[in-house]
């Protein structure tokens, strides 16, 4: 693998992973979209968990070393590369996680190979609390060792250089390309889909309070009454009077006499205006 091909692979890797760590299509957002769109079926995964359960487990765990999704994990690798045992059920989220873990571990391994030529002090990456943070940390690894990569390659023997090239071209670049394509596919399909927006009901002031007070509460129903007035109306078959509203302002209930007056008022014929 020539210097130019390594440089091109690294540039494409950075581009692919950066896309997956950029709002509005971070990898966590993409997984959220996917989980939301498939939540209605709640079909169990091969692991026995639903999409939501897997999403919760993934966002709660960002172990990137030697665990699930690492080089030594044949199940995760099989899921990533599409082996038959990984296609029994919908393992989309699991394969995305496997790809993120593989990219991170590969970038870390290349960093270790370049360690002797890295001029800066040993670097401890920030703790990755989300999958998106893990992707961003991987990009930071790549940026750190890229300037030293060719100097390192020039000092490796044939087998060591072949191993480095495999890490750069396949384990890192091709995996990042798969991750970007998968994430973009999910995001591109669903980004144009919008749920039918709820029709915002026009805010209306309580018509009883509005008659007597400067700052009436909002109505809560088509009757045009606030919750307190509506409860009173349903209980006494009449609307509260100004005197009752004043009692309410002081935190006191209407008196029996006021309720009787309110009922009498409601029975009086309304005057016609004009």
C-alpha atoms as a PDB file:
ATOM      1  CA  UNK A   1       0.000   0.000   0.000  1.00  0.00           C
ATOM      2  CA  UNK A   2       1.571   3.273  -1.106  1.00  0.00           C
ATOM      3  CA  UNK A   3       1.843   6.478   0.868  1.00  0.00           C
ATOM      4  CA  UNK A   4      -0.835   8.073  -1.290  1.00  0.00           C
ATOM      5  CA  UNK A   5      -3.277   5.217  -0.731  1.00  0.00           C
ATOM      6  CA  UNK A   6      -2.709   5.320   3.000  1.00  0.00           C
ATOM      7  CA  UNK A   7      -3.274   9.069   3.021  1.00  0.00           C
ATOM      8  CA  UNK A   8      -6.460   8.702   0.983  1.00  0.00           C
ATOM      9  CA  UNK A   9      -7.760   5.955   3.261  1.00  0.00           C
ATOM     10  CA  UNK A  10      -7.079   8.047   6.347  1.00  0.00           C
ATOM     11  CA  UNK A  11      -8.713  11.146   4.872  1.00  0.00           C
ATOM     12  CA  UNK A  12     -11.815   9.154   3.967  1.00  0.00           C
ATOM     13  CA  UNK A  13     -11.875   7.588   7.434  1.00  0.00           C
ATOM     14  CA  UNK A  14     -11.798  10.998   9.092  1.00  0.00           C
ATOM     15  CA  UNK A  15     -14.554  12.250   6.797  1.00  0.00           C
ATOM     16  CA  UNK A  16     -16.788   9.223   7.419  1.00  0.00           C
ATOM     17  CA  UNK A  17     -16.358   9.214  11.191  1.00  0.00           C
ATOM     18  CA  UNK A  18     -16.668  12.987  11.519  1.00  0.00           C
ATOM     19  CA  UNK A  19     -20.038  12.790   9.765  1.00  0.00           C
ATOM     20  CA  UNK A  20     -21.141  10.243  12.370  1.00  0.00           C
ATOM     21  CA  UNK A  21     -20.167  12.604  15.189  1.00  0.00           C
ATOM     22  CA  UNK A  22     -21.808  15.726  13.763  1.00  0.00           C
ATOM     23  CA  UNK A  23     -25.249  17.072  14.655  1.00  0.00           C
ATOM     24  CA  UNK A  24     -27.970  16.488  13.404  1.00  0.00           C
ATOM     25  CA  UNK A  25     -26.851  12.997  12.412  1.00  0.00           C
ATOM     26  CA  UNK A  26     -24.622  11.838  15.253  1.00  0.00           C
ATOM     27  CA  UNK A  27     -24.516   8.084  15.655  1.00  0.00           C
ATOM     28  CA  UNK A  28     -26.615   8.336  18.818  1.00  0.00           C
ATOM     29  CA  UNK A  29     -29.218  10.372  16.961  1.00  0.00           C
ATOM     30  CA  UNK A  30     -29.242   7.860  14.118  1.00  0.00           C
ATOM     31  CA  UNK A  31     -29.723   4.966  16.528  1.00  0.00           C
ATOM     32  CA  UNK A  32     -32.486   6.931  18.217  1.00  0.00           C
ATOM     33  CA  UNK A  33     -34.214   7.393  14.857  1.00  0.00           C
ATOM     34  CA  UNK A  34     -33.876   3.712  14.072  1.00  0.00           C
ATOM     35  CA  UNK A  35     -35.137   2.621  17.485  1.00  0.00           C
ATOM     36  CA  UNK A  36     -38.121   4.986  17.241  1.00  0.00           C
ATOM     37  CA  UNK A  37     -39.075   3.795  13.779  1.00  0.00           C
ATOM     38  CA  UNK A  38     -38.924   0.133  14.792  1.00  0.00           C
ATOM     39  CA  UNK A  39     -40.368   0.491  18.294  1.00  0.00           C
ATOM     40  CA  UNK A  40     -43.887  -0.311  17.184  1.00  0.00           C
ATOM     41  CA  UNK A  41     -42.942  -3.856  16.275  1.00  0.00           C
ATOM     42  CA  UNK A  42     -40.848  -4.414  19.415  1.00  0.00           C
ATOM     43  CA  UNK A  43     -39.517  -7.546  17.770  1.00  0.00           C
ATOM     44  CA  UNK A  44     -36.931  -9.240  20.012  1.00  0.00           C
ATOM     45  CA  UNK A  45     -33.366  -9.185  18.790  1.00  0.00           C
ATOM     46  CA  UNK A  46     -31.302 -12.344  18.529  1.00  0.00           C
ATOM     47  CA  UNK A  47     -30.092 -11.509  22.029  1.00  0.00           C
ATOM     48  CA  UNK A  48     -33.677 -11.562  23.263  1.00  0.00           C
ATOM     49  CA  UNK A  49     -33.851  -7.792  23.784  1.00  0.00           C
ATOM     50  CA  UNK A  50     -36.075  -5.313  21.980  1.00  0.00           C
ATOM     51  CA  UNK A  51     -34.651  -2.370  20.052  1.00  0.00           C
ATOM     52  CA  UNK A  52     -35.275   0.014  22.956  1.00  0.00           C
ATOM     53  CA  UNK A  53     -33.554  -2.312  25.407  1.00  0.00           C
ATOM     54  CA  UNK A  54     -30.529  -2.638  23.151  1.00  0.00           C
ATOM     55  CA  UNK A  55     -30.389   1.136  22.659  1.00  0.00           C
ATOM     56  CA  UNK A  56     -30.462   1.619  26.420  1.00  0.00           C
ATOM     57  CA  UNK A  57     -27.746  -0.970  26.902  1.00  0.00           C
ATOM     58  CA  UNK A  58     -25.583   0.562  24.174  1.00  0.00           C
ATOM     59  CA  UNK A  59     -25.763   4.105  25.459  1.00  0.00           C
ATOM     60  CA  UNK A  60     -25.014   2.884  28.967  1.00  0.00           C
ATOM     61  CA  UNK A  61     -21.920   0.962  27.926  1.00  0.00           C
ATOM     62  CA  UNK A  62     -18.964   2.336  25.975  1.00  0.00           C
ATOM     63  CA  UNK A  63     -16.344  -0.252  26.873  1.00  0.00           C
ATOM     64  CA  UNK A  64     -13.965  -0.169  23.924  1.00  0.00           C
ATOM     65  CA  UNK A  65     -11.294  -2.622  24.906  1.00  0.00           C
ATOM     66  CA  UNK A  66     -11.403  -6.339  24.318  1.00  0.00           C
ATOM     67  CA  UNK A  67     -15.087  -6.639  25.183  1.00  0.00           C
ATOM     68  CA  UNK A  68     -18.129  -7.045  23.045  1.00  0.00           C
ATOM     69  CA  UNK A  69     -17.338  -5.683  19.616  1.00  0.00           C
ATOM     70  CA  UNK A  70     -13.562  -6.074  19.951  1.00  0.00           C
ATOM     71  CA  UNK A  71     -11.091  -7.962  17.744  1.00  0.00           C
ATOM     72  CA  UNK A  72     -11.435 -11.070  19.887  1.00  0.00           C
ATOM     73  CA  UNK A  73     -15.201 -11.114  19.715  1.00  0.00           C
ATOM     74  CA  UNK A  74     -16.197 -13.413  16.818  1.00  0.00           C
ATOM     75  CA  UNK A  75     -19.899 -12.701  17.304  1.00  0.00           C
ATOM     76  CA  UNK A  76     -19.448  -8.958  16.846  1.00  0.00           C
ATOM     77  CA  UNK A  77     -17.109  -9.481  13.902  1.00  0.00           C
ATOM     78  CA  UNK A  78     -19.605 -11.870  12.321  1.00  0.00           C
ATOM     79  CA  UNK A  79     -22.331  -9.280  12.791  1.00  0.00           C
ATOM     80  CA  UNK A  80     -20.142  -6.599  11.261  1.00  0.00           C
ATOM     81  CA  UNK A  81     -19.171  -8.567   8.196  1.00  0.00           C
ATOM     82  CA  UNK A  82     -22.602 -10.118   7.682  1.00  0.00           C
ATOM     83  CA  UNK A  83     -21.935 -13.732   8.603  1.00  0.00           C
ATOM     84  CA  UNK A  84     -25.010 -15.995   8.558  1.00  0.00           C
ATOM     85  CA  UNK A  85     -25.321 -16.249  12.323  1.00  0.00           C
ATOM     86  CA  UNK A  86     -25.647 -12.465  12.510  1.00  0.00           C
ATOM     87  CA  UNK A  87     -28.669 -12.251  10.228  1.00  0.00           C
ATOM     88  CA  UNK A  88     -31.138 -14.369  12.153  1.00  0.00           C
ATOM     89  CA  UNK A  89     -32.860 -11.213  13.415  1.00  0.00           C
ATOM     90  CA  UNK A  90     -32.516  -7.468  13.079  1.00  0.00           C
ATOM     91  CA  UNK A  91     -29.026  -6.807  14.457  1.00  0.00           C
ATOM     92  CA  UNK A  92     -28.688  -3.316  13.009  1.00  0.00           C
ATOM     93  CA  UNK A  93     -27.885  -1.591  16.297  1.00  0.00           C
ATOM     94  CA  UNK A  94     -25.481  -4.349  17.338  1.00  0.00           C
ATOM     95  CA  UNK A  95     -23.573  -4.152  14.042  1.00  0.00           C
ATOM     96  CA  UNK A  96     -23.326  -0.378  14.327  1.00  0.00           C
ATOM     97  CA  UNK A  97     -21.858  -0.752  17.781  1.00  0.00           C
ATOM     98  CA  UNK A  98     -19.453  -3.428  16.520  1.00  0.00           C
ATOM     99  CA  UNK A  99     -18.262  -1.108  13.763  1.00  0.00           C
ATOM    100  CA  UNK A 100     -17.691   1.750  16.215  1.00  0.00           C
ATOM    101  CA  UNK A 101     -15.747  -0.544  18.553  1.00  0.00           C
ATOM    102  CA  UNK A 102     -13.627  -1.939  15.707  1.00  0.00           C
ATOM    103  CA  UNK A 103     -12.734   1.543  14.448  1.00  0.00           C
ATOM    104  CA  UNK A 104     -11.820   2.667  17.946  1.00  0.00           C
ATOM    105  CA  UNK A 105      -9.687  -0.383  18.710  1.00  0.00           C
ATOM    106  CA  UNK A 106      -7.952  -0.202  15.338  1.00  0.00           C
ATOM    107  CA  UNK A 107      -7.109   3.480  15.757  1.00  0.00           C
ATOM    108  CA  UNK A 108      -5.758   2.691  19.225  1.00  0.00           C
ATOM    109  CA  UNK A 109      -3.640  -0.188  17.875  1.00  0.00           C
ATOM    110  CA  UNK A 110      -2.172   2.011  15.145  1.00  0.00           C
ATOM    111  CA  UNK A 111      -1.420   4.607  17.792  1.00  0.00           C
ATOM    112  CA  UNK A 112       0.510   1.956  19.722  1.00  0.00           C
ATOM    113  CA  UNK A 113       2.490   1.029  16.611  1.00  0.00           C
ATOM    114  CA  UNK A 114       3.388   4.671  16.112  1.00  0.00           C
ATOM    115  CA  UNK A 115       4.154   5.190  19.797  1.00  0.00           C
ATOM    116  CA  UNK A 116       7.926   5.183  19.392  1.00  0.00           C
ATOM    117  CA  UNK A 117       7.762   8.024  16.890  1.00  0.00           C
ATOM    118  CA  UNK A 118       5.062  10.148  18.472  1.00  0.00           C
ATOM    119  CA  UNK A 119       6.718  13.337  19.641  1.00  0.00           C
ATOM    120  CA  UNK A 120       4.123  14.328  22.207  1.00  0.00           C
ATOM    121  CA  UNK A 121       3.748  12.839  25.651  1.00  0.00           C
ATOM    122  CA  UNK A 122       1.579   9.794  26.180  1.00  0.00           C
ATOM    123  CA  UNK A 123      -1.997  10.807  25.472  1.00  0.00           C
ATOM    124  CA  UNK A 124      -4.945   9.668  27.511  1.00  0.00           C
ATOM    125  CA  UNK A 125      -8.147  10.127  25.503  1.00  0.00           C
ATOM    126  CA  UNK A 126     -11.189  11.513  27.297  1.00  0.00           C
ATOM    127  CA  UNK A 127     -13.687   9.000  28.619  1.00  0.00           C
ATOM    128  CA  UNK A 128     -16.347   8.249  26.015  1.00  0.00           C
ATOM    129  CA  UNK A 129     -19.754   8.448  27.666  1.00  0.00           C
ATOM    130  CA  UNK A 130     -21.769   7.882  24.479  1.00  0.00           C
ATOM    131  CA  UNK A 131     -21.281   6.118  21.163  1.00  0.00           C
ATOM    132  CA  UNK A 132     -20.890   9.496  19.486  1.00  0.00           C
ATOM    133  CA  UNK A 133     -18.159  10.401  21.970  1.00  0.00           C
ATOM    134  CA  UNK A 134     -16.408   7.124  21.167  1.00  0.00           C
ATOM    135  CA  UNK A 135     -16.482   7.993  17.463  1.00  0.00           C
ATOM    136  CA  UNK A 136     -15.090  11.470  18.223  1.00  0.00           C
ATOM    137  CA  UNK A 137     -12.324   9.939  20.324  1.00  0.00           C
ATOM    138  CA  UNK A 138     -11.429   7.645  17.432  1.00  0.00           C
ATOM    139  CA  UNK A 139     -11.122  10.666  15.139  1.00  0.00           C
ATOM    140  CA  UNK A 140      -8.860  12.326  17.715  1.00  0.00           C
ATOM    141  CA  UNK A 141      -6.647   9.214  17.736  1.00  0.00           C
ATOM    142  CA  UNK A 142      -6.358   9.318  13.942  1.00  0.00           C
ATOM    143  CA  UNK A 143      -5.477  13.014  13.911  1.00  0.00           C
ATOM    144  CA  UNK A 144      -2.805  12.382  16.533  1.00  0.00           C
ATOM    145  CA  UNK A 145      -0.886   9.599  14.813  1.00  0.00           C
ATOM    146  CA  UNK A 146      -1.424  10.577  11.162  1.00  0.00           C
ATOM    147  CA  UNK A 147       1.604  12.947  11.011  1.00  0.00           C
ATOM    148  CA  UNK A 148       3.843  10.126  12.293  1.00  0.00           C
ATOM    149  CA  UNK A 149       2.385   7.278  10.252  1.00  0.00           C
ATOM    150  CA  UNK A 150       4.690   7.448   7.229  1.00  0.00           C
ATOM    151  CA  UNK A 151       7.795   7.757   9.383  1.00  0.00           C
ATOM    152  CA  UNK A 152       6.644   4.663  11.265  1.00  0.00           C
ATOM    153  CA  UNK A 153       5.855   2.783   8.038  1.00  0.00           C
ATOM    154  CA  UNK A 154       9.336   3.499   6.685  1.00  0.00           C
ATOM    155  CA  UNK A 155      10.871   1.703   9.666  1.00  0.00           C
ATOM    156  CA  UNK A 156       8.742  -1.459   9.552  1.00  0.00           C
ATOM    157  CA  UNK A 157       9.688  -4.746   7.903  1.00  0.00           C
ATOM    158  CA  UNK A 158       7.521  -6.390   5.261  1.00  0.00           C
ATOM    159  CA  UNK A 159       5.166  -8.303   7.533  1.00  0.00           C
ATOM    160  CA  UNK A 160       4.796  -5.413   9.968  1.00  0.00           C
ATOM    161  CA  UNK A 161       4.064  -2.980   7.149  1.00  0.00           C
ATOM    162  CA  UNK A 162       1.511  -5.367   5.640  1.00  0.00           C
ATOM    163  CA  UNK A 163      -0.211  -5.580   9.032  1.00  0.00           C
ATOM    164  CA  UNK A 164      -0.236  -1.781   9.358  1.00  0.00           C
ATOM    165  CA  UNK A 165      -1.702  -1.411   5.886  1.00  0.00           C
ATOM    166  CA  UNK A 166      -4.419  -3.950   6.697  1.00  0.00           C
ATOM    167  CA  UNK A 167      -5.314  -1.997   9.810  1.00  0.00           C
ATOM    168  CA  UNK A 168      -5.466   1.293   7.915  1.00  0.00           C
ATOM    169  CA  UNK A 169      -7.261   0.091   4.784  1.00  0.00           C
ATOM    170  CA  UNK A 170      -9.601  -2.636   6.017  1.00  0.00           C
ATOM    171  CA  UNK A 171     -10.117  -2.609   9.761  1.00  0.00           C
ATOM    172  CA  UNK A 172     -10.314   1.190   9.915  1.00  0.00           C
ATOM    173  CA  UNK A 173     -11.142   2.740   6.522  1.00  0.00           C
ATOM    174  CA  UNK A 174     -13.529   0.077   5.232  1.00  0.00           C
ATOM    175  CA  UNK A 175     -15.274  -0.225   8.579  1.00  0.00           C
ATOM    176  CA  UNK A 176     -15.667   3.554   8.839  1.00  0.00           C
ATOM    177  CA  UNK A 177     -17.056   3.554   5.303  1.00  0.00           C
ATOM    178  CA  UNK A 178     -19.585   0.862   6.256  1.00  0.00           C
ATOM    179  CA  UNK A 179     -20.554   2.748   9.404  1.00  0.00           C
ATOM    180  CA  UNK A 180     -21.067   5.995   7.523  1.00  0.00           C
ATOM    181  CA  UNK A 181     -23.070   4.300   4.766  1.00  0.00           C
ATOM    182  CA  UNK A 182     -25.291   2.509   7.274  1.00  0.00           C
ATOM    183  CA  UNK A 183     -25.840   5.597   9.419  1.00  0.00           C
ATOM    184  CA  UNK A 184     -26.461   7.805   6.390  1.00  0.00           C
ATOM    185  CA  UNK A 185     -28.936   5.310   4.993  1.00  0.00           C
ATOM    186  CA  UNK A 186     -31.004   5.322   8.198  1.00  0.00           C
ATOM    187  CA  UNK A 187     -30.844   9.087   8.553  1.00  0.00           C
ATOM    188  CA  UNK A 188     -31.547   9.816   4.877  1.00  0.00           C
ATOM    189  CA  UNK A 189     -34.606   7.571   4.775  1.00  0.00           C
ATOM    190  CA  UNK A 190     -36.212   8.986   7.886  1.00  0.00           C
ATOM    191  CA  UNK A 191     -35.087  12.617   8.016  1.00  0.00           C
ATOM    192  CA  UNK A 192     -37.857  13.643   5.621  1.00  0.00           C
ATOM    193  CA  UNK A 193     -40.516  11.829   7.556  1.00  0.00           C
ATOM    194  CA  UNK A 194     -42.449  14.006   9.943  1.00  0.00           C
ATOM    195  CA  UNK A 195     -45.302  13.002  12.146  1.00  0.00           C
ATOM    196  CA  UNK A 196     -48.556  14.818  11.495  1.00  0.00           C
ATOM    197  CA  UNK A 197     -48.228  17.830  13.760  1.00  0.00           C
ATOM    198  CA  UNK A 198     -50.826  18.197  16.451  1.00  0.00           C
ATOM    199  CA  UNK A 199     -53.148  21.064  15.702  1.00  0.00           C
ATOM    200  CA  UNK A 200     -52.518  23.742  18.291  1.00  0.00           C
ATOM    201  CA  UNK A 201     -55.833  24.829  19.692  1.00  0.00           C
ATOM    202  CA  UNK A 202     -56.193  28.587  19.920  1.00  0.00           C
ATOM    203  CA  UNK A 203     -55.610  29.717  23.488  1.00  0.00           C
ATOM    204  CA  UNK A 204     -58.820  31.189  24.896  1.00  0.00           C
ATOM    205  CA  UNK A 205     -59.325  32.945  28.191  1.00  0.00           C
ATOM    206  CA  UNK A 206     -61.951  31.694  30.615  1.00  0.00           C
ATOM    207  CA  UNK A 207     -65.047  33.657  29.658  1.00  0.00           C
ATOM    208  CA  UNK A 208     -66.375  33.870  33.226  1.00  0.00           C
ATOM    209  CA  UNK A 209     -63.117  35.180  34.691  1.00  0.00           C
ATOM    210  CA  UNK A 210     -62.638  37.485  31.688  1.00  0.00           C
ATOM    211  CA  UNK A 211     -65.859  39.281  32.645  1.00  0.00           C
ATOM    212  CA  UNK A 212     -64.624  40.204  36.097  1.00  0.00           C
ATOM    213  CA  UNK A 213     -60.793  39.987  36.213  1.00  0.00           C
ATOM    214  CA  UNK A 214     -57.939  41.634  34.341  1.00  0.00           C
ATOM    215  CA  UNK A 215     -55.826  38.467  34.012  1.00  0.00           C
ATOM    216  CA  UNK A 216     -58.181  35.537  33.494  1.00  0.00           C
ATOM    217  CA  UNK A 217     -56.877  31.956  33.377  1.00  0.00           C
ATOM    218  CA  UNK A 218     -57.018  30.000  30.139  1.00  0.00           C
ATOM    219  CA  UNK A 219     -59.996  27.900  29.197  1.00  0.00           C
ATOM    220  CA  UNK A 220     -59.433  24.157  29.207  1.00  0.00           C
ATOM    221  CA  UNK A 221     -62.329  23.007  27.068  1.00  0.00           C
ATOM    222  CA  UNK A 222     -64.656  24.009  24.293  1.00  0.00           C
ATOM    223  CA  UNK A 223     -67.021  25.454  26.904  1.00  0.00           C
ATOM    224  CA  UNK A 224     -64.648  28.372  27.308  1.00  0.00           C
ATOM    225  CA  UNK A 225     -64.227  27.770  31.026  1.00  0.00           C
ATOM    226  CA  UNK A 226     -61.124  27.286  33.140  1.00  0.00           C
ATOM    227  CA  UNK A 227     -60.894  24.067  35.129  1.00  0.00           C
ATOM    228  CA  UNK A 228     -62.223  25.681  38.317  1.00  0.00           C
ATOM    229  CA  UNK A 229     -65.223  27.275  36.630  1.00  0.00           C
ATOM    230  CA  UNK A 230     -65.925  24.104  34.662  1.00  0.00           C
ATOM    231  CA  UNK A 231     -65.901  21.997  37.837  1.00  0.00           C
ATOM    232  CA  UNK A 232     -68.276  24.474  39.492  1.00  0.00           C
ATOM    233  CA  UNK A 233     -70.583  24.468  36.476  1.00  0.00           C
ATOM    234  CA  UNK A 234     -70.716  20.658  36.305  1.00  0.00           C
ATOM    235  CA  UNK A 235     -71.395  20.399  40.038  1.00  0.00           C
ATOM    236  CA  UNK A 236     -74.033  23.128  40.425  1.00  0.00           C
ATOM    237  CA  UNK A 237     -75.436  23.418  36.882  1.00  0.00           C
ATOM    238  CA  UNK A 238     -74.600  27.122  36.781  1.00  0.00           C
ATOM    239  CA  UNK A 239     -71.615  29.376  36.364  1.00  0.00           C
ATOM    240  CA  UNK A 240     -69.885  31.158  39.266  1.00  0.00           C
ATOM    241  CA  UNK A 241     -70.646  34.797  39.953  1.00  0.00           C
ATOM    242  CA  UNK A 242     -68.200  37.606  40.578  1.00  0.00           C
ATOM    243  CA  UNK A 243     -68.644  37.173  44.342  1.00  0.00           C
ATOM    244  CA  UNK A 244     -67.651  33.516  44.059  1.00  0.00           C
ATOM    245  CA  UNK A 245     -64.568  34.395  42.013  1.00  0.00           C
ATOM    246  CA  UNK A 246     -63.515  36.841  44.717  1.00  0.00           C
ATOM    247  CA  UNK A 247     -63.908  34.088  47.325  1.00  0.00           C
ATOM    248  CA  UNK A 248     -61.718  31.836  45.209  1.00  0.00           C
ATOM    249  CA  UNK A 249     -59.065  34.549  45.018  1.00  0.00           C
ATOM    250  CA  UNK A 250     -58.783  34.350  48.806  1.00  0.00           C
ATOM    251  CA  UNK A 251     -58.600  30.571  48.707  1.00  0.00           C
ATOM    252  CA  UNK A 252     -62.118  30.127  50.063  1.00  0.00           C
ATOM    253  CA  UNK A 253     -65.008  28.090  48.721  1.00  0.00           C
ATOM    254  CA  UNK A 254     -68.304  29.627  47.679  1.00  0.00           C
ATOM    255  CA  UNK A 255     -70.889  29.969  50.418  1.00  0.00           C
ATOM    256  CA  UNK A 256     -74.274  28.236  50.121  1.00  0.00           C
ATOM    257  CA  UNK A 257     -75.903  31.624  49.677  1.00  0.00           C
ATOM    258  CA  UNK A 258     -73.554  32.536  46.832  1.00  0.00           C
ATOM    259  CA  UNK A 259     -74.270  29.227  45.115  1.00  0.00           C
ATOM    260  CA  UNK A 260     -78.013  29.847  45.420  1.00  0.00           C
ATOM    261  CA  UNK A 261     -77.514  33.325  43.946  1.00  0.00           C
ATOM    262  CA  UNK A 262     -75.462  31.885  41.084  1.00  0.00           C
ATOM    263  CA  UNK A 263     -78.219  29.398  40.280  1.00  0.00           C
ATOM    264  CA  UNK A 264     -80.826  32.156  40.379  1.00  0.00           C
ATOM    265  CA  UNK A 265     -78.708  34.331  38.108  1.00  0.00           C
ATOM    266  CA  UNK A 266     -78.362  31.545  35.559  1.00  0.00           C
ATOM    267  CA  UNK A 267     -82.167  31.233  35.370  1.00  0.00           C
ATOM    268  CA  UNK A 268     -82.734  34.894  34.659  1.00  0.00           C
ATOM    269  CA  UNK A 269     -83.347  35.672  31.001  1.00  0.00           C
ATOM    270  CA  UNK A 270     -80.441  37.433  29.373  1.00  0.00           C
ATOM    271  CA  UNK A 271     -81.105  40.915  28.028  1.00  0.00           C
ATOM    272  CA  UNK A 272     -80.821  41.431  24.329  1.00  0.00           C
ATOM    273  CA  UNK A 273     -78.295  44.067  23.414  1.00  0.00           C
ATOM    274  CA  UNK A 274     -79.385  46.650  20.811  1.00  0.00           C
END
